[in-house]
Every structure is written in C-alpha cells, then in structure tokens.
Protein backbone atom coordinates (compact mmCIF):
# COMPACT_ATOMS: atom_id res chain seq x y z
CA UNK A 1 -22.40 75.73 25.76
CA UNK A 2 -21.37 72.49 27.33
CA UNK A 3 -23.75 70.56 25.05
CA UNK A 4 -22.21 72.17 21.96
CA UNK A 5 -18.70 71.35 23.25
CA UNK A 6 -19.76 67.78 23.89
CA UNK A 7 -21.24 67.47 20.39
CA UNK A 8 -18.11 69.01 18.90
CA UNK A 9 -15.91 66.61 20.84
CA UNK A 10 -18.01 63.64 19.72
CA UNK A 11 -17.79 64.77 16.08
CA UNK A 12 -14.00 65.12 16.39
CA UNK A 13 -13.79 61.68 18.05
CA UNK A 14 -15.87 60.04 15.30
CA UNK A 15 -13.86 61.82 12.59
CA UNK A 16 -10.57 60.74 14.14
CA UNK A 17 -11.87 57.21 14.56
CA UNK A 18 -12.85 57.04 10.91
CA UNK A 19 -9.46 58.39 9.87
CA UNK A 20 -7.73 55.84 12.08
CA UNK A 21 -9.95 53.08 10.71
CA UNK A 22 -9.04 54.11 7.17
CA UNK A 23 -5.35 53.97 8.02
CA UNK A 24 -5.72 50.63 9.76
CA UNK A 25 -7.77 49.24 6.89
CA UNK A 26 -5.14 50.37 4.44
CA UNK A 27 -2.45 48.85 6.61
CA UNK A 28 -4.32 45.62 7.10
CA UNK A 29 -5.10 45.54 3.39
CA UNK A 30 -1.43 45.80 2.51
CA UNK A 31 -0.61 43.25 5.18
CA UNK A 32 -3.29 40.96 3.80
CA UNK A 33 -1.94 41.43 0.30
CA UNK A 34 1.52 40.68 1.62
CA UNK A 35 0.27 37.54 3.36
CA UNK A 36 -1.57 36.44 0.25
CA UNK A 37 1.57 36.99 -1.75
CA UNK A 38 3.50 34.86 0.70
CA UNK A 39 0.84 32.17 0.54
CA UNK A 40 1.07 32.10 -3.24
CA UNK A 41 4.75 31.29 -2.90
CA UNK A 42 4.05 28.36 -0.60
CA UNK A 43 4.19 24.80 -1.82
CA UNK A 44 0.74 23.39 -2.52
CA UNK A 45 -0.57 19.92 -1.77
CA UNK A 46 -3.71 18.27 -3.16
CA UNK A 47 -6.36 16.96 -0.76
CA UNK A 48 -9.63 15.11 -1.26
CA UNK A 49 -12.59 16.82 0.38
CA UNK A 50 -15.43 14.95 2.09
CA UNK A 51 -17.69 15.58 -0.91
CA UNK A 52 -15.23 14.01 -3.35
CA UNK A 53 -13.57 17.16 -4.75
CA UNK A 54 -9.82 17.61 -5.20
CA UNK A 55 -8.55 20.98 -3.98
CA UNK A 56 -5.13 22.56 -3.44
CA UNK A 57 -4.10 23.90 -0.03
CA UNK A 58 -0.90 25.31 1.41
CA UNK A 59 1.54 22.71 2.64
CA UNK A 60 1.90 23.10 6.44
CA UNK A 61 5.10 24.82 7.55
CA UNK A 62 5.92 21.97 9.90
CA UNK A 63 5.10 19.24 7.36
CA UNK A 64 7.83 16.62 7.60
CA UNK A 65 7.07 12.93 7.51
CA UNK A 66 3.41 13.40 8.43
CA UNK A 67 1.17 16.50 8.24
CA UNK A 68 -0.26 16.44 11.73
CA UNK A 69 0.16 15.05 15.22
CA UNK A 70 -0.16 11.27 14.85
CA UNK A 71 -2.74 9.51 17.02
CA UNK A 72 -1.69 7.26 19.86
CA UNK A 73 -1.35 3.52 19.13
CA UNK A 74 -4.66 2.73 20.82
CA UNK A 75 -6.43 5.38 18.70
CA UNK A 76 -4.69 4.15 15.56
CA UNK A 77 -6.09 0.68 16.15
CA UNK A 78 -9.70 1.84 15.89
CA UNK A 79 -9.55 3.62 12.56
CA UNK A 80 -11.47 6.62 11.26
CA UNK A 81 -15.23 6.36 11.97
CA UNK A 82 -17.49 6.28 8.93
CA UNK A 83 -14.66 5.71 6.46
CA UNK A 84 -14.19 2.75 4.10
CA UNK A 85 -10.99 3.36 2.18
CA UNK A 86 -10.44 1.77 -1.22
CA UNK A 87 -7.67 1.78 -3.83
CA UNK A 88 -7.93 1.45 -7.62
CA UNK A 89 -5.08 0.78 -10.09
CA UNK A 90 -5.64 1.53 -13.78
CA UNK A 91 -3.30 -0.91 -15.55
CA UNK A 92 -3.84 0.80 -18.90
CA UNK A 93 -2.00 3.88 -17.57
CA UNK A 94 0.96 2.33 -15.74
CA UNK A 95 4.27 2.90 -17.56
CA UNK A 96 6.60 1.68 -14.80
CA UNK A 97 7.81 5.22 -14.17
CA UNK A 98 8.59 4.07 -10.60
CA UNK A 99 7.73 7.51 -9.20
CA UNK A 100 5.13 5.87 -6.97
CA UNK A 101 7.90 3.79 -5.38
CA UNK A 102 10.12 6.83 -4.91
CA UNK A 103 7.28 8.82 -3.33
CA UNK A 104 6.42 5.97 -0.97
CA UNK A 105 10.02 5.47 0.13
CA UNK A 106 10.59 9.16 0.73
CA UNK A 107 7.31 9.63 2.59
CA UNK A 108 7.92 6.64 4.87
CA UNK A 109 11.66 7.13 5.31
CA UNK A 110 12.51 3.75 3.74
CA UNK A 111 15.96 2.57 2.68
CA UNK A 112 16.56 2.26 -1.10
CA UNK A 113 16.27 -1.53 -0.98
CA UNK A 114 13.07 -1.47 1.11
CA UNK A 115 10.15 -1.23 -1.30
CA UNK A 116 6.60 -1.40 0.00
CA UNK A 117 5.33 -1.04 -3.56
CA UNK A 118 6.71 -3.19 -6.36
CA UNK A 119 5.98 -3.39 -10.07
CA UNK A 120 5.58 -6.67 -11.94
CA UNK A 121 5.89 -7.24 -15.65
CA UNK A 122 2.89 -9.45 -16.41
CA UNK A 123 1.88 -11.51 -19.43
CA UNK A 124 -1.34 -13.48 -19.07
CA UNK A 125 -0.86 -15.80 -22.06
CA UNK A 126 1.66 -16.48 -24.85
CA UNK A 127 -0.38 -14.53 -27.40
CA UNK A 128 -0.92 -11.51 -25.19
CA UNK A 129 1.20 -8.42 -24.71
CA UNK A 130 3.11 -7.73 -21.46
CA UNK A 131 1.92 -4.98 -19.15
CA UNK A 132 3.07 -3.39 -15.89
CA UNK A 133 1.36 -4.36 -12.65
CA UNK A 134 1.87 -2.22 -9.50
CA UNK A 135 1.38 -4.20 -6.31
CA UNK A 136 1.20 -3.01 -2.73
CA UNK A 137 -0.64 -4.27 0.36
CA UNK A 138 -4.22 -4.93 -0.72
CA UNK A 139 -5.71 -4.33 2.78
CA UNK A 140 -7.98 -7.37 2.78
CA UNK A 141 -11.29 -7.67 4.61
CA UNK A 142 -10.35 -11.25 5.45
CA UNK A 143 -6.58 -10.87 6.02
CA UNK A 144 -4.65 -14.11 6.77
CA UNK A 145 -1.83 -12.03 8.30
CA UNK A 146 -4.07 -10.85 11.14
CA UNK A 147 -5.16 -14.39 12.01
CA UNK A 148 -1.62 -15.71 12.46
CA UNK A 149 -0.09 -12.83 14.44
CA UNK A 150 0.45 -14.17 17.97
CA UNK A 151 0.73 -10.77 19.67
CA UNK A 152 -1.89 -8.67 17.87
CA UNK A 153 0.73 -6.50 16.16
CA UNK A 154 -1.06 -6.84 12.83
CA UNK A 155 -4.69 -5.77 13.00
CA UNK A 156 -7.69 -4.81 10.89
CA UNK A 157 -9.41 -1.43 11.42
CA UNK A 158 -13.01 -0.38 10.90
CA UNK A 159 -12.01 1.84 7.92
CA UNK A 160 -10.64 -1.16 5.90
CA UNK A 161 -6.96 -0.59 6.66
CA UNK A 162 -4.65 -3.33 7.90
CA UNK A 163 -1.77 -1.90 9.93
CA UNK A 164 1.25 -3.11 11.89
CA UNK A 165 2.18 -1.84 15.34
CA UNK A 166 5.95 -2.34 15.44
CA UNK A 167 5.98 -1.67 19.18
CA UNK A 168 4.14 -4.98 19.55
CA UNK A 169 5.80 -6.83 16.67
CA UNK A 170 8.22 -9.55 17.84
CA UNK A 171 9.62 -10.30 14.39
CA UNK A 172 8.31 -13.88 14.18
CA UNK A 173 7.46 -13.37 10.48
CA UNK A 174 4.32 -15.53 10.68
CA UNK A 175 2.46 -12.75 8.85
CA UNK A 176 5.09 -12.72 6.10
CA UNK A 177 4.50 -16.42 5.47
CA UNK A 178 0.71 -16.08 5.64
CA UNK A 179 0.37 -13.20 3.17
CA UNK A 180 -0.49 -14.64 -0.28
CA UNK A 181 0.57 -11.42 -2.01
CA UNK A 182 4.13 -11.23 -0.59
CA UNK A 183 3.73 -7.57 0.36
CA UNK A 184 5.49 -7.62 3.73
CA UNK A 185 9.16 -6.85 4.29
CA UNK A 186 11.38 -7.48 7.30
CA UNK A 187 13.55 -4.73 8.77
CA UNK A 188 16.85 -6.59 8.89
CA UNK A 189 18.86 -3.40 9.30
CA UNK A 190 18.41 -0.15 11.17
CA UNK A 191 16.24 2.21 9.10
CA UNK A 192 17.65 5.58 7.89
CA UNK A 193 17.88 8.34 10.48
CA UNK A 194 14.83 10.56 10.83
CA UNK A 195 14.03 13.73 12.75
CA UNK A 196 10.80 12.15 14.07
CA UNK A 197 11.24 11.40 17.80
CA UNK A 198 10.80 7.75 18.73
CA UNK A 199 8.12 8.66 21.26
CA UNK A 200 5.96 10.08 18.45
CA UNK A 201 5.73 6.73 16.66
CA UNK A 202 2.28 5.69 15.48
CA UNK A 203 1.18 2.68 13.41
CA UNK A 204 -0.46 5.21 11.11
CA UNK A 205 2.87 6.77 10.12
CA UNK A 206 5.11 3.68 10.42
CA UNK A 207 7.86 6.18 11.26
CA UNK A 208 10.29 5.72 12.88
CA UNK A 209 10.56 2.03 12.03
CA UNK A 210 12.38 -0.46 14.24
CA UNK A 211 14.97 -3.08 13.35
CA UNK A 212 13.72 -6.65 13.76
CA UNK A 213 10.10 -5.85 12.90
CA UNK A 214 7.86 -6.30 9.86
CA UNK A 215 6.59 -3.40 7.77
CA UNK A 216 4.41 -2.89 4.70
CA UNK A 217 2.25 -0.43 2.76
CA UNK A 218 -0.14 1.29 5.19
CA UNK A 219 -2.28 3.16 2.62
CA UNK A 220 -0.77 6.31 4.19
CA UNK A 221 -3.26 6.16 7.05
CA UNK A 222 -1.93 9.39 8.54
CA UNK A 223 -2.60 11.27 5.31
CA UNK A 224 -6.04 9.68 4.96
CA UNK A 225 -6.91 11.07 8.39
CA UNK A 226 -6.35 14.60 7.04
CA UNK A 227 -7.98 14.01 3.65
CA UNK A 228 -4.66 13.99 1.79
CA UNK A 229 -3.94 11.51 -1.00
CA UNK A 230 -1.24 8.84 -0.41
CA UNK A 231 2.35 9.51 -1.46
CA UNK A 232 2.19 7.00 -4.32
CA UNK A 233 -0.99 8.49 -5.76
CA UNK A 234 0.41 12.02 -5.67
CA UNK A 235 3.69 10.88 -7.23
CA UNK A 236 2.33 8.88 -10.19
CA UNK A 237 2.84 10.98 -13.37
CA UNK A 238 0.43 8.82 -15.36
CA UNK A 239 -2.54 9.14 -12.99
CA UNK A 240 -2.78 5.35 -12.77
CA UNK A 241 -3.47 5.22 -9.03
CA UNK A 242 -6.74 6.22 -7.35
CA UNK A 243 -7.58 6.41 -3.65
CA UNK A 244 -10.80 7.30 -1.92
CA UNK A 245 -13.72 6.37 0.30
CA UNK A 246 -16.12 3.64 -0.71
CA UNK A 247 -18.81 5.08 1.56
CA UNK A 248 -18.62 8.37 -0.34
CA UNK A 249 -18.37 6.47 -3.63
CA UNK A 250 -15.45 8.67 -4.71
CA UNK A 251 -11.83 7.96 -5.70
CA UNK A 252 -9.23 10.38 -7.02
CA UNK A 253 -5.82 10.24 -8.70
CA UNK A 254 -5.08 13.86 -7.83
CA UNK A 255 -6.27 15.17 -11.21
CA UNK A 256 -9.72 13.70 -11.62
CA UNK A 257 -12.31 12.35 -9.21
CA UNK A 258 -14.48 9.42 -10.23
CA UNK A 259 -17.43 7.57 -8.77
CA UNK A 260 -15.93 4.36 -7.45
CA UNK A 261 -18.85 2.04 -8.32
CA UNK A 262 -19.24 3.57 -11.76
CA UNK A 263 -15.53 3.25 -12.51
CA UNK A 264 -15.39 -0.40 -11.45
CA UNK A 265 -18.58 -1.24 -13.34
CA UNK A 266 -17.64 0.55 -16.59
CA UNK A 267 -14.07 -0.77 -16.67
CA UNK A 268 -14.80 -4.28 -15.34
CA UNK A 269 -12.60 -3.80 -12.30
CA UNK A 270 -11.44 -6.91 -10.47
CA UNK A 271 -9.62 -7.93 -7.30
CA UNK A 272 -6.30 -9.75 -7.62
CA UNK A 273 -6.51 -13.47 -6.74
CA UNK A 274 -10.16 -13.12 -5.82
CA UNK A 275 -10.43 -16.90 -5.49
CA UNK A 276 -8.38 -16.84 -2.27
CA UNK A 277 -11.29 -15.33 -0.36
CA UNK A 278 -9.20 -12.54 1.18
CA UNK A 279 -11.58 -9.85 -0.15
CA UNK A 280 -9.00 -7.12 -0.94
CA UNK A 281 -9.86 -3.43 -0.88
CA UNK A 282 -7.64 -2.83 -3.90
CA UNK A 283 -9.18 -3.10 -7.36
CA UNK A 284 -7.50 -3.35 -10.77
CA UNK A 285 -8.79 -2.01 -14.07
CA UNK A 286 -7.77 -4.31 -16.99
CA UNK A 287 -4.88 -3.17 -19.24
CA UNK A 288 -6.95 -2.56 -22.36
CA UNK A 289 -6.29 0.34 -24.77
CA UNK A 290 -2.94 1.00 -23.09
CA UNK A 291 -1.57 4.51 -23.34
CA UNK A 292 2.02 3.42 -24.01
CA UNK A 293 4.31 0.66 -25.20
CA UNK A 294 5.40 -1.58 -22.32
CA UNK A 295 8.98 -1.26 -23.61
CA UNK A 296 8.99 2.34 -22.40
CA UNK A 297 8.95 1.00 -18.85
CA UNK A 298 12.12 -1.01 -19.46
CA UNK A 299 14.06 2.24 -19.81
CA UNK A 300 13.68 2.84 -16.08
CA UNK A 301 15.46 -0.42 -15.27
CA UNK A 302 19.27 -0.84 -15.34
CA UNK A 303 20.41 -2.41 -18.60
CA UNK A 304 22.00 -5.42 -16.91
CA UNK A 305 18.61 -6.26 -15.34
CA UNK A 306 16.57 -5.91 -18.51
CA UNK A 307 17.69 -9.33 -19.75
CA UNK A 308 15.68 -11.06 -17.03
CA UNK A 309 12.51 -9.92 -18.77
CA UNK A 310 13.31 -11.76 -21.99
CA UNK A 311 11.42 -14.91 -20.98
CA UNK A 312 8.27 -12.92 -20.26
CA UNK A 313 8.47 -10.91 -23.46
CA UNK A 314 9.08 -14.06 -25.50
CA UNK A 315 6.20 -15.90 -23.83
CA UNK A 316 8.25 -18.44 -21.84
CA UNK A 317 7.15 -17.09 -18.47
CA UNK A 318 4.13 -15.14 -17.21
CA UNK A 319 5.28 -12.86 -14.43
CA UNK A 320 8.37 -11.34 -12.98
CA UNK A 321 8.78 -9.04 -10.02
CA UNK A 322 11.47 -6.37 -10.06
C-alpha cells in the first residue's frame, strides 16, 4: 500500500513539475519575445569581426564617448597584441560631404573649430580635374613626431598607432613642427564639457582633453580595441573610408569588406608623400572614374569661402586646405 502511495505521489509530482515547466516555458518564452522586441528597438552599431566580416550589434546602454572601460595609460602605450591597423581612402568616392569630420568631432568631444580630419581640394596639374582629399594623421611607422618629443608624450605602438598622452604633454609643440603632414592641433582653449570623469582619461580615447596640450587623430584606438569601426568611417555616406587589420588582410567601410592587399594592388594604392620615408599606414586610392562632380562638394562650404577655390579650379594653384 505504501509503495502504491509512493508511486502515486511520484506521478503527481512529475505531472505537477511538467505543468509548472510548461507555464515557466511559456512565461520565459513571452519574456524572451519581449526582450527580443526590446532589442530590435535598440540602436545598432556596425563592428568588424576578427575574420573580416561586418556585423550589426546592439549599441551598449552605457555607450557615451567610448564603448568600454578605457585601458590605463601604461596599457594604452603597448597597443593591441597581434594587430596591425591600416587605413584606406578611396578618392574616387569622396564628395566632401564633411560627415566624417562631424562624426570625428562628436565622437572625440572636439570644439567646432578643432578638426582632426580636414579635406583638401587638390589639382595635380593644370590639365587635370580637381578632387577632394581627406587627410588625417597617417600613423607612420617612422614618425618624426615621436623622435622630437622630449617627454615621451607622443609614442608609437606595436599595432601601428601613434598616440599622444596629454598627461605627459608639456605643450612644447615640437611634434607640431616635426609633422610633415600638419595633422596636429594645439588645445589653446578649454575643450567642451564632457561627462567623462578626468580620472578615466586614456590616450586611446583622447577624452577629456586638456588645455595647453597637443591632440590629433588617434584612429579611434578605443573603438579598434572592441572591433568597432572609427567614427569617420561609420559617418562617411559615400563609403570612401576603410579601416582594418593588415595582419588579417581585411579592411571595411561599414558596408563592404575587402582584402587589403588585393584592394591596394588592383587600384594602385599609394602612400602620401612616400618620398619622405615616414612609411604611413594610410593608403590612398587614385581619384579615377569619380562617382560625382567635384563641384557638388562646394555646396557644403559657405558661399563666402567658395571664392578661395577659384585659383585651384582655374589651374593657378594646386592645393588648398579648408
């Protein structure tokens, strides 16, 4: 009798457990569906995976200036092991939309007159046609700026990046004079307010900046650490900017991923002012078969400033920087 009661009790227990499991499964299923629905509403960001694919993931809830806890200055000086970051600019696609500049300034909390990326109007010869030329720090393998810094504030990392530690920078501007590409800017005024605590500063984020120090394009080192494309690359509506890892032989503009070596070989990519021996890690693809008329880019410039481009357009000058 006791055995039958025990069996009966076990059957009831199993039945109740199954019923409870069904209810819980239904509840968890609805909760999962609810969570998935919430996730679908979240803002997406594009990231480059280690195998060279571009995927979309949810933007972190606490994503502000940088997506993750920045490394300490000493960690930021070493770089990311096994990485060899490289940048490619397709001049045939650039229309001077200036969205890359806007994205960079917003991402690095820069004042409106502080541009780490600039756009030149170039004309190589009197018979040629003008074209737009984005220019940022080229992150050289043989950087003159590093050699002249007396306090080690400017340094070269193992992953190709050249960064500035503004906690060491004394504002001597030796690096500004040494850079042949004129990509460095001096913080003459206090940068805009930011909600990033000063104690969380890292050379990889460049935020918050400090008055009296030098700053420049950092290839968005903090984003590279998480596999996220730089602000300028994600902001370019023309897909003219590519970023990736030379060791993986992959670069992406956020829409397509290309083999770096193949892209440079097929399009005859070159490095700006190669003869200087700085060995930049930024490559340019010649402006052949352009997708637009260069005049379209003039529409993004105030009318009173457009007159300064007349000499270039008429062939009396070769370059002009905005």
